[in-house]
Structures are given as C-alpha cells and as structure tokens.
PDB file of N, CA and C in Angstrom:
ATOM      1  N   MET A   1    -155.126  23.280 100.638  1.00  0.00           N
ATOM      2  CA  MET A   1    -156.139  23.610 101.313  1.00  0.00           C
ATOM      3  C   MET A   1    -155.704  25.308 101.106  1.00  0.00           C
ATOM      4  N   LEU A   2    -156.952  26.560 101.533  1.00  0.00           N
ATOM      5  CA  LEU A   2    -157.296  27.437 101.123  1.00  0.00           C
ATOM      6  C   LEU A   2    -156.099  27.704 102.948  1.00  0.00           C
ATOM      7  N   THR A   3    -155.589  28.961 102.687  1.00  0.00           N
ATOM      8  CA  THR A   3    -155.621  29.606 104.305  1.00  0.00           C
ATOM      9  C   THR A   3    -156.379  30.516 105.250  1.00  0.00           C
ATOM     10  N   PRO A   4    -157.017  30.195 105.886  1.00  0.00           N
ATOM     11  CA  PRO A   4    -158.567  30.975 106.018  1.00  0.00           C
ATOM     12  C   PRO A   4    -157.664  33.159 106.473  1.00  0.00           C
ATOM     13  N   GLU A   5    -158.964  33.477 105.952  1.00  0.00           N
ATOM     14  CA  GLU A   5    -158.409  35.003 106.197  1.00  0.00           C
ATOM     15  C   GLU A   5    -159.221  35.281 107.299  1.00  0.00           C
ATOM     16  N   PRO A   6    -158.456  36.610 108.262  1.00  0.00           N
ATOM     17  CA  PRO A   6    -159.659  37.563 108.425  1.00  0.00           C
ATOM     18  C   PRO A   6    -160.503  38.312 108.166  1.00  0.00           C
ATOM     19  N   VAL A   7    -161.811  37.881 108.577  1.00  0.00           N
ATOM     20  CA  VAL A   7    -163.068  38.158 107.672  1.00  0.00           C
ATOM     21  C   VAL A   7    -163.339  39.951 108.102  1.00  0.00           C
ATOM     22  N   ARG A   8    -162.941  41.071 107.521  1.00  0.00           N
ATOM     23  CA  ARG A   8    -163.329  41.894 107.232  1.00  0.00           C
ATOM     24  C   ARG A   8    -164.533  42.636 106.568  1.00  0.00           C
ATOM     25  N   ARG A   9    -165.348  42.889 107.093  1.00  0.00           N
ATOM     26  CA  ARG A   9    -166.939  43.255 106.502  1.00  0.00           C
ATOM     27  C   ARG A   9    -166.983  44.747 106.067  1.00  0.00           C
ATOM     28  N   ASN A  10    -167.280  44.785 104.910  1.00  0.00           N
ATOM     29  CA  ASN A  10    -167.422  45.809 104.277  1.00  0.00           C
ATOM     30  C   ASN A  10    -168.638  46.637 104.682  1.00  0.00           C
ATOM     31  N   GLU A  11    -168.848  48.114 104.843  1.00  0.00           N
ATOM     32  CA  GLU A  11    -170.074  49.254 105.143  1.00  0.00           C
ATOM     33  C   GLU A  11    -171.369  48.150 104.804  1.00  0.00           C
ATOM     34  N   GLU A  12    -171.639  47.414 103.520  1.00  0.00           N
ATOM     35  CA  GLU A  12    -173.022  46.669 103.710  1.00  0.00           C
ATOM     36  C   GLU A  12    -172.688  45.157 104.471  1.00  0.00           C
ATOM     37  N   GLY A  13    -171.887  45.042 104.367  1.00  0.00           N
ATOM     38  CA  GLY A  13    -171.592  43.493 105.659  1.00  0.00           C
ATOM     39  C   GLY A  13    -171.435  42.575 105.126  1.00  0.00           C
ATOM     40  N   ASP A  14    -170.581  42.586 103.957  1.00  0.00           N
ATOM     41  CA  ASP A  14    -170.122  41.641 103.179  1.00  0.00           C
ATOM     42  C   ASP A  14    -169.100  42.030 102.997  1.00  0.00           C
ATOM     43  N   TRP A  15    -168.165  40.192 102.353  1.00  0.00           N
ATOM     44  CA  TRP A  15    -166.658  39.827 102.394  1.00  0.00           C
ATOM     45  C   TRP A  15    -166.844  38.430 101.662  1.00  0.00           C
ATOM     46  N   THR A  16    -165.532  38.564 101.013  1.00  0.00           N
ATOM     47  CA  THR A  16    -164.883  37.823 100.248  1.00  0.00           C
ATOM     48  C   THR A  16    -163.512  37.662 100.376  1.00  0.00           C
ATOM     49  N   HIS A  17    -163.347  35.740 100.485  1.00  0.00           N
ATOM     50  CA  HIS A  17    -162.102  35.716 100.593  1.00  0.00           C
ATOM     51  C   HIS A  17    -160.684  36.081  99.355  1.00  0.00           C
ATOM     52  N   SER A  18    -159.934  36.308  99.648  1.00  0.00           N
ATOM     53  CA  SER A  18    -158.940  36.720  98.136  1.00  0.00           C
ATOM     54  C   SER A  18    -159.229  35.974  97.030  1.00  0.00           C
ATOM     55  N   ALA A  19    -158.440  34.428  97.561  1.00  0.00           N
ATOM     56  CA  ALA A  19    -158.635  33.316  96.649  1.00  0.00           C
ATOM     57  C   ALA A  19    -160.179  33.241  95.777  1.00  0.00           C
ATOM     58  N   LEU A  20    -161.145  33.591  96.573  1.00  0.00           N
ATOM     59  CA  LEU A  20    -162.171  33.262  95.948  1.00  0.00           C
ATOM     60  C   LEU A  20    -162.765  34.429  94.604  1.00  0.00           C
ATOM     61  N   SER A  21    -162.019  35.355  95.246  1.00  0.00           N
ATOM     62  CA  SER A  21    -162.705  37.145  94.910  1.00  0.00           C
ATOM     63  C   SER A  21    -161.906  36.808  93.249  1.00  0.00           C
ATOM     64  N   GLU A  22    -160.012  35.949  93.705  1.00  0.00           N
ATOM     65  CA  GLU A  22    -159.589  35.510  92.047  1.00  0.00           C
ATOM     66  C   GLU A  22    -160.479  34.935  90.928  1.00  0.00           C
ATOM     67  N   LEU A  23    -161.104  34.088  91.441  1.00  0.00           N
ATOM     68  CA  LEU A  23    -161.706  33.380  91.168  1.00  0.00           C
ATOM     69  C   LEU A  23    -162.738  33.666  89.953  1.00  0.00           C
ATOM     70  N   VAL A  24    -163.358  34.539  90.938  1.00  0.00           N
ATOM     71  CA  VAL A  24    -165.160  35.379  90.961  1.00  0.00           C
ATOM     72  C   VAL A  24    -164.827  36.341  89.075  1.00  0.00           C
ATOM     73  N   GLY A  25    -163.637  37.456  89.810  1.00  0.00           N
ATOM     74  CA  GLY A  25    -163.422  38.536  89.647  1.00  0.00           C
ATOM     75  C   GLY A  25    -164.256  39.198  88.843  1.00  0.00           C
ATOM     76  N   ASP A  26    -164.893  40.037  87.493  1.00  0.00           N
ATOM     77  CA  ASP A  26    -166.432  40.692  87.360  1.00  0.00           C
ATOM     78  C   ASP A  26    -167.613  39.998  87.308  1.00  0.00           C
ATOM     79  N   ARG A  27    -167.484  38.704  87.190  1.00  0.00           N
ATOM     80  CA  ARG A  27    -168.846  37.908  87.125  1.00  0.00           C
ATOM     81  C   ARG A  27    -170.015  38.084  88.354  1.00  0.00           C
ATOM     82  N   GLU A  28    -170.738  37.808  88.096  1.00  0.00           N
ATOM     83  CA  GLU A  28    -171.762  37.211  89.146  1.00  0.00           C
ATOM     84  C   GLU A  28    -172.204  35.886  88.913  1.00  0.00           C
ATOM     85  N   TYR A  29    -171.681  34.677  88.043  1.00  0.00           N
ATOM     86  CA  TYR A  29    -172.264  33.722  88.055  1.00  0.00           C
ATOM     87  C   TYR A  29    -170.936  32.655  88.134  1.00  0.00           C
ATOM     88  N   ILE A  30    -170.819  31.659  88.623  1.00  0.00           N
ATOM     89  CA  ILE A  30    -169.538  30.760  88.103  1.00  0.00           C
ATOM     90  C   ILE A  30    -170.080  29.813  87.630  1.00  0.00           C
ATOM     91  N   PRO A  31    -169.749  29.002  86.584  1.00  0.00           N
ATOM     92  CA  PRO A  31    -170.087  27.827  86.285  1.00  0.00           C
ATOM     93  C   PRO A  31    -169.804  26.646  87.477  1.00  0.00           C
ATOM     94  N   SER A  32    -171.018  25.883  87.501  1.00  0.00           N
ATOM     95  CA  SER A  32    -170.690  24.175  88.355  1.00  0.00           C
ATOM     96  C   SER A  32    -169.253  23.648  87.894  1.00  0.00           C
ATOM     97  N   ASP A  33    -169.070  22.884  86.795  1.00  0.00           N
ATOM     98  CA  ASP A  33    -167.913  22.329  86.625  1.00  0.00           C
ATOM     99  C   ASP A  33    -167.391  23.403  87.160  1.00  0.00           C
ATOM    100  N   GLU A  34    -167.059  24.354  87.071  1.00  0.00           N
ATOM    101  CA  GLU A  34    -165.523  25.607  87.230  1.00  0.00           C
ATOM    102  C   GLU A  34    -166.154  25.682  88.597  1.00  0.00           C
ATOM    103  N   TRP A  35    -166.569  25.844  89.377  1.00  0.00           N
ATOM    104  CA  TRP A  35    -167.199  25.862  90.978  1.00  0.00           C
ATOM    105  C   TRP A  35    -166.654  24.115  91.471  1.00  0.00           C
ATOM    106  N   LYS A  36    -166.938  23.218  91.108  1.00  0.00           N
ATOM    107  CA  LYS A  36    -166.770  22.205  91.519  1.00  0.00           C
ATOM    108  C   LYS A  36    -164.726  21.852  91.289  1.00  0.00           C
ATOM    109  N   ALA A  37    -164.537  21.923  90.292  1.00  0.00           N
ATOM    110  CA  ALA A  37    -162.853  22.136  89.716  1.00  0.00           C
ATOM    111  C   ALA A  37    -161.951  23.437  90.948  1.00  0.00           C
ATOM    112  N   TRP A  38    -162.538  24.211  91.222  1.00  0.00           N
ATOM    113  CA  TRP A  38    -161.815  24.632  91.950  1.00  0.00           C
ATOM    114  C   TRP A  38    -161.794  24.439  92.887  1.00  0.00           C
ATOM    115  N   GLN A  39    -163.508  24.227  93.657  1.00  0.00           N
ATOM    116  CA  GLN A  39    -162.773  23.080  95.312  1.00  0.00           C
ATOM    117  C   GLN A  39    -162.224  21.767  95.278  1.00  0.00           C
ATOM    118  N   ALA A  40    -161.816  21.292  94.115  1.00  0.00           N
ATOM    119  CA  ALA A  40    -161.063  19.908  94.064  1.00  0.00           C
ATOM    120  C   ALA A  40    -159.775  20.655  93.643  1.00  0.00           C
ATOM    121  N   LYS A  41    -159.300  22.256  93.680  1.00  0.00           N
ATOM    122  CA  LYS A  41    -158.074  22.373  93.139  1.00  0.00           C
ATOM    123  C   LYS A  41    -157.663  22.222  94.337  1.00  0.00           C
ATOM    124  N   HIS A  42    -158.110  22.765  95.466  1.00  0.00           N
ATOM    125  CA  HIS A  42    -158.103  23.439  97.232  1.00  0.00           C
ATOM    126  C   HIS A  42    -158.248  22.645  98.091  1.00  0.00           C
ATOM    127  N   ASN A  43    -158.403  21.584  97.467  1.00  0.00           N
ATOM    128  CA  ASN A  43    -159.222  20.401  98.349  1.00  0.00           C
ATOM    129  C   ASN A  43    -160.187  20.374  99.270  1.00  0.00           C
ATOM    130  N   ILE A  44    -161.073  21.073  99.300  1.00  0.00           N
ATOM    131  CA  ILE A  44    -162.044  22.108  99.854  1.00  0.00           C
ATOM    132  C   ILE A  44    -163.381  21.657  99.407  1.00  0.00           C
ATOM    133  N   GLU A  45    -164.729  21.559 100.691  1.00  0.00           N
ATOM    134  CA  GLU A  45    -166.199  21.334 100.240  1.00  0.00           C
ATOM    135  C   GLU A  45    -166.721  22.148 101.052  1.00  0.00           C
ATOM    136  N   ALA A  46    -167.559  22.565 100.654  1.00  0.00           N
ATOM    137  CA  ALA A  46    -168.389  24.103 100.592  1.00  0.00           C
ATOM    138  C   ALA A  46    -169.552  24.112 101.006  1.00  0.00           C
ATOM    139  N   VAL A  47    -170.318  24.937 101.769  1.00  0.00           N
ATOM    140  CA  VAL A  47    -171.775  24.752 101.779  1.00  0.00           C
ATOM    141  C   VAL A  47    -171.959  26.513 101.730  1.00  0.00           C
ATOM    142  N   ILE A  48    -173.053  26.546 101.752  1.00  0.00           N
ATOM    143  CA  ILE A  48    -173.379  27.883 101.427  1.00  0.00           C
ATOM    144  C   ILE A  48    -175.169  27.597 101.977  1.00  0.00           C
ATOM    145  N   LEU A  49    -175.365  28.746 102.837  1.00  0.00           N
ATOM    146  CA  LEU A  49    -176.060  29.139 103.680  1.00  0.00           C
ATOM    147  C   LEU A  49    -177.061  30.610 103.004  1.00  0.00           C
ATOM    148  N   GLN A  50    -178.206  30.233 102.924  1.00  0.00           N
ATOM    149  CA  GLN A  50    -178.625  31.560 102.590  1.00  0.00           C
ATOM    150  C   GLN A  50    -179.525  32.416 103.813  1.00  0.00           C
ATOM    151  N   MET A  51    -179.378  33.761 103.617  1.00  0.00           N
ATOM    152  CA  MET A  51    -179.989  34.627 105.121  1.00  0.00           C
ATOM    153  C   MET A  51    -181.751  34.302 105.055  1.00  0.00           C
ATOM    154  N   GLU A  52    -182.004  33.891 104.254  1.00  0.00           N
ATOM    155  CA  GLU A  52    -183.629  33.928 103.683  1.00  0.00           C
ATOM    156  C   GLU A  52    -183.878  32.564 104.495  1.00  0.00           C
ATOM    157  N   LEU A  53    -183.461  31.551 104.813  1.00  0.00           N
ATOM    158  CA  LEU A  53    -183.768  29.929 105.011  1.00  0.00           C
ATOM    159  C   LEU A  53    -183.017  30.082 106.699  1.00  0.00           C
ATOM    160  N   GLU A  54    -181.853  30.822 107.201  1.00  0.00           N
ATOM    161  CA  GLU A  54    -181.527  30.752 108.271  1.00  0.00           C
ATOM    162  C   GLU A  54    -182.133  32.192 108.888  1.00  0.00           C
ATOM    163  N   LEU A  55    -182.764  33.254 109.269  1.00  0.00           N
ATOM    164  CA  LEU A  55    -183.206  34.103 109.925  1.00  0.00           C
ATOM    165  C   LEU A  55    -184.706  33.959 109.675  1.00  0.00           C
ATOM    166  N   ASP A  56    -185.458  34.453 110.920  1.00  0.00           N
ATOM    167  CA  ASP A  56    -186.808  34.772 111.181  1.00  0.00           C
ATOM    168  C   ASP A  56    -187.041  36.053 110.757  1.00  0.00           C
ATOM    169  N   GLU A  57    -188.147  36.147 110.258  1.00  0.00           N
ATOM    170  CA  GLU A  57    -188.865  37.416 109.809  1.00  0.00           C
ATOM    171  C   GLU A  57    -188.610  38.119 109.910  1.00  0.00           C
ATOM    172  N   ASP A  58    -188.901  38.212 111.485  1.00  0.00           N
ATOM    173  CA  ASP A  58    -188.853  39.251 112.329  1.00  0.00           C
ATOM    174  C   ASP A  58    -187.208  40.240 112.735  1.00  0.00           C
ATOM    175  N   HIS A  59    -186.204  38.840 112.073  1.00  0.00           N
ATOM    176  CA  HIS A  59    -184.835  39.547 112.593  1.00  0.00           C
ATOM    177  C   HIS A  59    -184.155  40.737 111.956  1.00  0.00           C
ATOM    178  N   PRO A  60    -183.429  41.538 112.713  1.00  0.00           N
ATOM    179  CA  PRO A  60    -183.234  42.747 111.748  1.00  0.00           C
ATOM    180  C   PRO A  60    -182.704  43.271 110.643  1.00  0.00           C
ATOM    181  N   ALA A  61    -181.735  41.592 110.917  1.00  0.00           N
ATOM    182  CA  ALA A  61    -181.381  41.736 109.433  1.00  0.00           C
ATOM    183  C   ALA A  61    -181.778  41.464 108.137  1.00  0.00           C
ATOM    184  N   TRP A  62    -182.947  40.519 108.807  1.00  0.00           N
ATOM    185  CA  TRP A  62    -184.007  40.572 107.968  1.00  0.00           C
ATOM    186  C   TRP A  62    -184.812  41.108 107.215  1.00  0.00           C
ATOM    187  N   ILE A  63    -185.417  42.384 108.134  1.00  0.00           N
ATOM    188  CA  ILE A  63    -185.750  43.738 107.598  1.00  0.00           C
ATOM    189  C   ILE A  63    -185.126  44.511 106.984  1.00  0.00           C
ATOM    190  N   ARG A  64    -184.213  44.779 107.130  1.00  0.00           N
ATOM    191  CA  ARG A  64    -182.868  45.692 106.724  1.00  0.00           C
ATOM    192  C   ARG A  64    -183.093  45.015 105.389  1.00  0.00           C
ATOM    193  N   HIS A  65    -182.837  43.950 105.458  1.00  0.00           N
ATOM    194  CA  HIS A  65    -182.440  43.704 103.588  1.00  0.00           C
ATOM    195  C   HIS A  65    -183.784  43.460 103.222  1.00  0.00           C
ATOM    196  N   PHE A  66    -184.831  42.966 103.310  1.00  0.00           N
ATOM    197  CA  PHE A  66    -185.832  42.082 102.495  1.00  0.00           C
ATOM    198  C   PHE A  66    -187.120  43.649 103.235  1.00  0.00           C
ATOM    199  N   ASP A  67    -187.597  43.630 103.735  1.00  0.00           N
ATOM    200  CA  ASP A  67    -188.377  44.738 103.806  1.00  0.00           C
ATOM    201  C   ASP A  67    -188.156  45.860 104.052  1.00  0.00           C
ATOM    202  N   GLU A  68    -187.030  46.429 104.134  1.00  0.00           N
ATOM    203  CA  GLU A  68    -186.549  47.940 103.821  1.00  0.00           C
ATOM    204  C   GLU A  68    -185.584  48.647 102.621  1.00  0.00           C
ATOM    205  N   GLY A  69    -185.401  47.074 102.129  1.00  0.00           N
ATOM    206  CA  GLY A  69    -184.506  46.886 100.748  1.00  0.00           C
ATOM    207  C   GLY A  69    -182.799  47.729 101.006  1.00  0.00           C
ATOM    208  N   HIS A  70    -182.785  47.142 101.889  1.00  0.00           N
ATOM    209  CA  HIS A  70    -181.257  47.884 102.090  1.00  0.00           C
ATOM    210  C   HIS A  70    -180.027  46.288 101.519  1.00  0.00           C
ATOM    211  N   PRO A  71    -179.281  46.666 100.466  1.00  0.00           N
ATOM    212  CA  PRO A  71    -178.427  45.146  99.905  1.00  0.00           C
ATOM    213  C   PRO A  71    -177.636  45.346 101.003  1.00  0.00           C
ATOM    214  N   GLY A  72    -177.110  43.639 100.867  1.00  0.00           N
ATOM    215  CA  GLY A  72    -175.555  43.116 102.196  1.00  0.00           C
ATOM    216  C   GLY A  72    -176.489  42.900 103.016  1.00  0.00           C
ATOM    217  N   SER A  73    -175.434  41.982 103.857  1.00  0.00           N
ATOM    218  CA  SER A  73    -175.865  41.279 104.955  1.00  0.00           C
ATOM    219  C   SER A  73    -175.518  41.975 106.275  1.00  0.00           C
ATOM    220  N   VAL A  74    -175.641  43.266 106.350  1.00  0.00           N
ATOM    221  CA  VAL A  74    -175.336  43.836 107.524  1.00  0.00           C
ATOM    222  C   VAL A  74    -176.846  43.870 108.651  1.00  0.00           C
ATOM    223  N   GLY A  75    -175.982  43.136 109.741  1.00  0.00           N
ATOM    224  CA  GLY A  75    -176.447  42.476 110.828  1.00  0.00           C
ATOM    225  C   GLY A  75    -176.840  40.631 111.108  1.00  0.00           C
ATOM    226  N   TRP A  76    -176.510  40.081 109.868  1.00  0.00           N
ATOM    227  CA  TRP A  76    -176.842  39.362 109.821  1.00  0.00           C
ATOM    228  C   TRP A  76    -174.673  38.409 109.946  1.00  0.00           C
ATOM    229  N   ASN A  77    -175.014  37.737 111.618  1.00  0.00           N
ATOM    230  CA  ASN A  77    -173.404  37.126 111.793  1.00  0.00           C
ATOM    231  C   ASN A  77    -173.796  35.317 112.083  1.00  0.00           C
ATOM    232  N   PRO A  78    -173.925  35.158 110.876  1.00  0.00           N
ATOM    233  CA  PRO A  78    -174.249  33.365 110.939  1.00  0.00           C
ATOM    234  C   PRO A  78    -172.631  32.710 111.644  1.00  0.00           C
ATOM    235  N   GLU A  79    -172.789  31.373 112.133  1.00  0.00           N
ATOM    236  CA  GLU A  79    -171.966  30.424 113.143  1.00  0.00           C
ATOM    237  C   GLU A  79    -171.627  29.474 111.879  1.00  0.00           C
ATOM    238  N   PRO A  80    -170.429  29.018 111.928  1.00  0.00           N
ATOM    239  CA  PRO A  80    -169.902  27.976 110.703  1.00  0.00           C
ATOM    240  C   PRO A  80    -170.715  26.348 111.372  1.00  0.00           C
ATOM    241  N   PRO A  81    -170.970  25.892 110.544  1.00  0.00           N
ATOM    242  CA  PRO A  81    -171.100  24.281 110.906  1.00  0.00           C
ATOM    243  C   PRO A  81    -170.470  24.050 112.010  1.00  0.00           C
ATOM    244  N   SER A  82    -169.257  23.896 111.772  1.00  0.00           N
ATOM    245  CA  SER A  82    -168.083  23.211 113.526  1.00  0.00           C
ATOM    246  C   SER A  82    -166.981  24.077 112.935  1.00  0.00           C
ATOM    247  N   GLU A  83    -166.228  23.843 114.480  1.00  0.00           N
ATOM    248  CA  GLU A  83    -164.894  25.019 114.183  1.00  0.00           C
ATOM    249  C   GLU A  83    -164.016  24.213 113.319  1.00  0.00           C
ATOM    250  N   ASP A  84    -164.169  23.592 112.875  1.00  0.00           N
ATOM    251  CA  ASP A  84    -163.443  23.077 111.500  1.00  0.00           C
ATOM    252  C   ASP A  84    -163.541  24.148 110.013  1.00  0.00           C
ATOM    253  N   TRP A  85    -164.938  24.932 110.014  1.00  0.00           N
ATOM    254  CA  TRP A  85    -164.988  25.735 108.981  1.00  0.00           C
ATOM    255  C   TRP A  85    -164.938  26.974 109.104  1.00  0.00           C
ATOM    256  N   TYR A  86    -164.705  27.858 108.125  1.00  0.00           N
ATOM    257  CA  TYR A  86    -164.451  28.927 107.614  1.00  0.00           C
ATOM    258  C   TYR A  86    -164.689  29.549 106.744  1.00  0.00           C
ATOM    259  N   MET A  87    -164.954  30.968 107.468  1.00  0.00           N
ATOM    260  CA  MET A  87    -165.895  31.818 106.040  1.00  0.00           C
ATOM    261  C   MET A  87    -164.849  31.812 104.687  1.00  0.00           C
ATOM    262  N   LEU A  88    -165.694  31.611 103.693  1.00  0.00           N
ATOM    263  CA  LEU A  88    -165.531  32.305 102.206  1.00  0.00           C
ATOM    264  C   LEU A  88    -165.898  32.729 101.417  1.00  0.00           C
ATOM    265  N   SER A  89    -166.928  33.567 101.670  1.00  0.00           N
ATOM    266  CA  SER A  89    -167.639  34.962 101.688  1.00  0.00           C
ATOM    267  C   SER A  89    -169.051  34.928 102.680  1.00  0.00           C
ATOM    268  N   ILE A  90    -169.674  36.088 102.354  1.00  0.00           N
ATOM    269  CA  ILE A  90    -170.926  36.546 103.002  1.00  0.00           C
ATOM    270  C   ILE A  90    -170.776  37.519 101.864  1.00  0.00           C
ATOM    271  N   HIS A  91    -172.132  37.252 101.334  1.00  0.00           N
ATOM    272  CA  HIS A  91    -171.994  38.495  99.900  1.00  0.00           C
ATOM    273  C   HIS A  91    -174.013  38.546  99.834  1.00  0.00           C
ATOM    274  N   ASP A  92    -174.285  40.128  98.898  1.00  0.00           N
ATOM    275  CA  ASP A  92    -175.552  39.817  98.402  1.00  0.00           C
ATOM    276  C   ASP A  92    -175.935  38.890  97.221  1.00  0.00           C
ATOM    277  N   THR A  93    -176.667  38.744  96.824  1.00  0.00           N
ATOM    278  CA  THR A  93    -177.319  37.980  95.188  1.00  0.00           C
ATOM    279  C   THR A  93    -178.565  38.104  95.020  1.00  0.00           C
ATOM    280  N   GLU A  94    -179.290  38.059  93.979  1.00  0.00           N
ATOM    281  CA  GLU A  94    -180.037  38.101  93.684  1.00  0.00           C
ATOM    282  C   GLU A  94    -181.209  37.630  94.030  1.00  0.00           C
ATOM    283  N   ASP A  95    -181.227  36.771  95.129  1.00  0.00           N
ATOM    284  CA  ASP A  95    -182.169  36.157  95.900  1.00  0.00           C
ATOM    285  C   ASP A  95    -181.496  36.409  97.239  1.00  0.00           C
ATOM    286  N   GLY A  96    -180.639  37.756  97.703  1.00  0.00           N
ATOM    287  CA  GLY A  96    -180.119  37.645  98.913  1.00  0.00           C
ATOM    288  C   GLY A  96    -179.357  37.024  99.511  1.00  0.00           C
ATOM    289  N   PRO A  97    -179.067  37.497 100.515  1.00  0.00           N
ATOM    290  CA  PRO A  97    -177.345  37.468 101.293  1.00  0.00           C
ATOM    291  C   PRO A  97    -177.399  35.874 101.517  1.00  0.00           C
ATOM    292  N   VAL A  98    -176.229  35.673 100.884  1.00  0.00           N
ATOM    293  CA  VAL A  98    -175.717  34.194 101.362  1.00  0.00           C
ATOM    294  C   VAL A  98    -173.858  34.475 102.118  1.00  0.00           C
ATOM    295  N   VAL A  99    -173.914  32.778 102.836  1.00  0.00           N
ATOM    296  CA  VAL A  99    -172.698  32.548 103.964  1.00  0.00           C
ATOM    297  C   VAL A  99    -172.428  31.021 102.995  1.00  0.00           C
ATOM    298  N   ILE A 100    -170.455  31.500 102.466  1.00  0.00           N
ATOM    299  CA  ILE A 100    -170.373  30.134 101.786  1.00  0.00           C
ATOM    300  C   ILE A 100    -169.233  29.614 102.693  1.00  0.00           C
ATOM    301  N   TRP A 101    -169.541  28.388 103.671  1.00  0.00           N
ATOM    302  CA  TRP A 101    -168.249  27.855 104.427  1.00  0.00           C
ATOM    303  C   TRP A 101    -167.807  26.792 103.520  1.00  0.00           C
ATOM    304  N   TYR A 102    -166.480  26.904 104.111  1.00  0.00           N
ATOM    305  CA  TYR A 102    -165.706  25.995 103.142  1.00  0.00           C
ATOM    306  C   TYR A 102    -164.552  24.922 105.071  1.00  0.00           C
ATOM    307  N   ARG A 103    -164.017  23.614 104.121  1.00  0.00           N
ATOM    308  CA  ARG A 103    -162.957  22.829 105.164  1.00  0.00           C
ATOM    309  C   ARG A 103    -162.219  22.080 104.319  1.00  0.00           C
ATOM    310  N   GLU A 104    -161.724  21.822 104.618  1.00  0.00           N
ATOM    311  CA  GLU A 104    -160.332  21.128 104.110  1.00  0.00           C
ATOM    312  C   GLU A 104    -160.978  19.527 103.981  1.00  0.00           C
ATOM    313  N   ILE A 105    -160.944  18.694 103.062  1.00  0.00           N
ATOM    314  CA  ILE A 105    -161.394  17.441 102.917  1.00  0.00           C
ATOM    315  C   ILE A 105    -160.435  16.663 103.641  1.00  0.00           C
ATOM    316  N   PRO A 106    -160.593  16.165 104.084  1.00  0.00           N
ATOM    317  CA  PRO A 106    -160.065  14.983 104.813  1.00  0.00           C
ATOM    318  C   PRO A 106    -158.722  13.817 103.846  1.00  0.00           C
ATOM    319  N   GLU A 107    -157.631  13.723 104.372  1.00  0.00           N
ATOM    320  CA  GLU A 107    -157.497  12.804 103.684  1.00  0.00           C
ATOM    321  C   GLU A 107    -157.226  11.285 104.082  1.00  0.00           C
ATOM    322  N   GLN A 108    -158.288  10.595 102.696  1.00  0.00           N
ATOM    323  CA  GLN A 108    -158.507   9.254 102.758  1.00  0.00           C
ATOM    324  C   GLN A 108    -157.735   7.965 103.600  1.00  0.00           C
ATOM    325  N   GLU A 109    -158.187   7.256 104.306  1.00  0.00           N
ATOM    326  CA  GLU A 109    -157.177   6.582 104.728  1.00  0.00           C
ATOM    327  C   GLU A 109    -157.113   5.666 103.873  1.00  0.00           C
ATOM    328  N   GLY A 110    -156.056   4.320 103.929  1.00  0.00           N
ATOM    329  CA  GLY A 110    -156.438   3.462 102.120  1.00  0.00           C
ATOM    330  C   GLY A 110    -157.333   2.663 102.702  1.00  0.00           C
ATOM    331  N   LEU A 111    -157.422   1.757 102.088  1.00  0.00           N
ATOM    332  CA  LEU A 111    -158.487   0.569 102.608  1.00  0.00           C
ATOM    333  C   LEU A 111    -157.814  -0.315 102.850  1.00  0.00           C
ATOM    334  N   ARG A 112    -158.437  -0.809 104.028  1.00  0.00           N
ATOM    335  CA  ARG A 112    -157.874  -1.478 104.602  1.00  0.00           C
ATOM    336  C   ARG A 112    -158.827  -3.354 104.272  1.00  0.00           C
ATOM    337  N   LEU A 113    -158.237  -4.332 104.429  1.00  0.00           N
ATOM    338  CA  LEU A 113    -158.738  -5.497 104.405  1.00  0.00           C
ATOM    339  C   LEU A 113    -159.121  -6.830 105.438  1.00  0.00           C
TER     340      LEU A 113
END
C-alpha cells in the first residue's frame, strides 16, 4: 500500500505523489500494462476524474483553464469518492486537468462453502 502524502499543490495547482513521480519520470504517458502492473505492485485501485466532466462551465477553475488558457488545476478542489480514497495526483494533461484517487484493495476473505 502506498502511504498517503500531504498534498502541497504548486502555483499551477498541481501535485503528484512521490511514488507516482518515480514511475512517470520524464514521460508524458504510461502504457496501460505498466500502469496496471504498478497498481498491482502497490495493491491499489485508482480512479481518474477529469475537470472538464466534473465542473460546470461557469466554475472559476473551468473558466481559468479552458476559457482563459491558464494551465493547471488552480481553483479545482475535487473531493475523494469516499474517506478511504487518497489523492495520487492532480495535474494538467493535453485534455485538461485530471485528478487520480487511489485506495488499497481489501484483502479477499477465503472462499466459504
């Protein structure tokens, strides 16, 4: 399991967990199989949400990013799906800002007959 880290967003509103930063390095894209293997290694599941789909077009963060052309996720303060989810990253992509939440995959109980 990844240990949650304090989220300290930069001037563009972005932040990434140190473990994910190590995986990404200088790359802009992580192949799907590598992403799945990394999640399995850390026993986590992840969900990715896009600002574009989460906010209304009149939200200040939407206007700042999409209408005014300022990069980053300043002003977007997404909430986790529930209390057992932690932020893995909030960052800009070529399709707009995204947030990645993660949580530990619970141990499966043995099969009961």
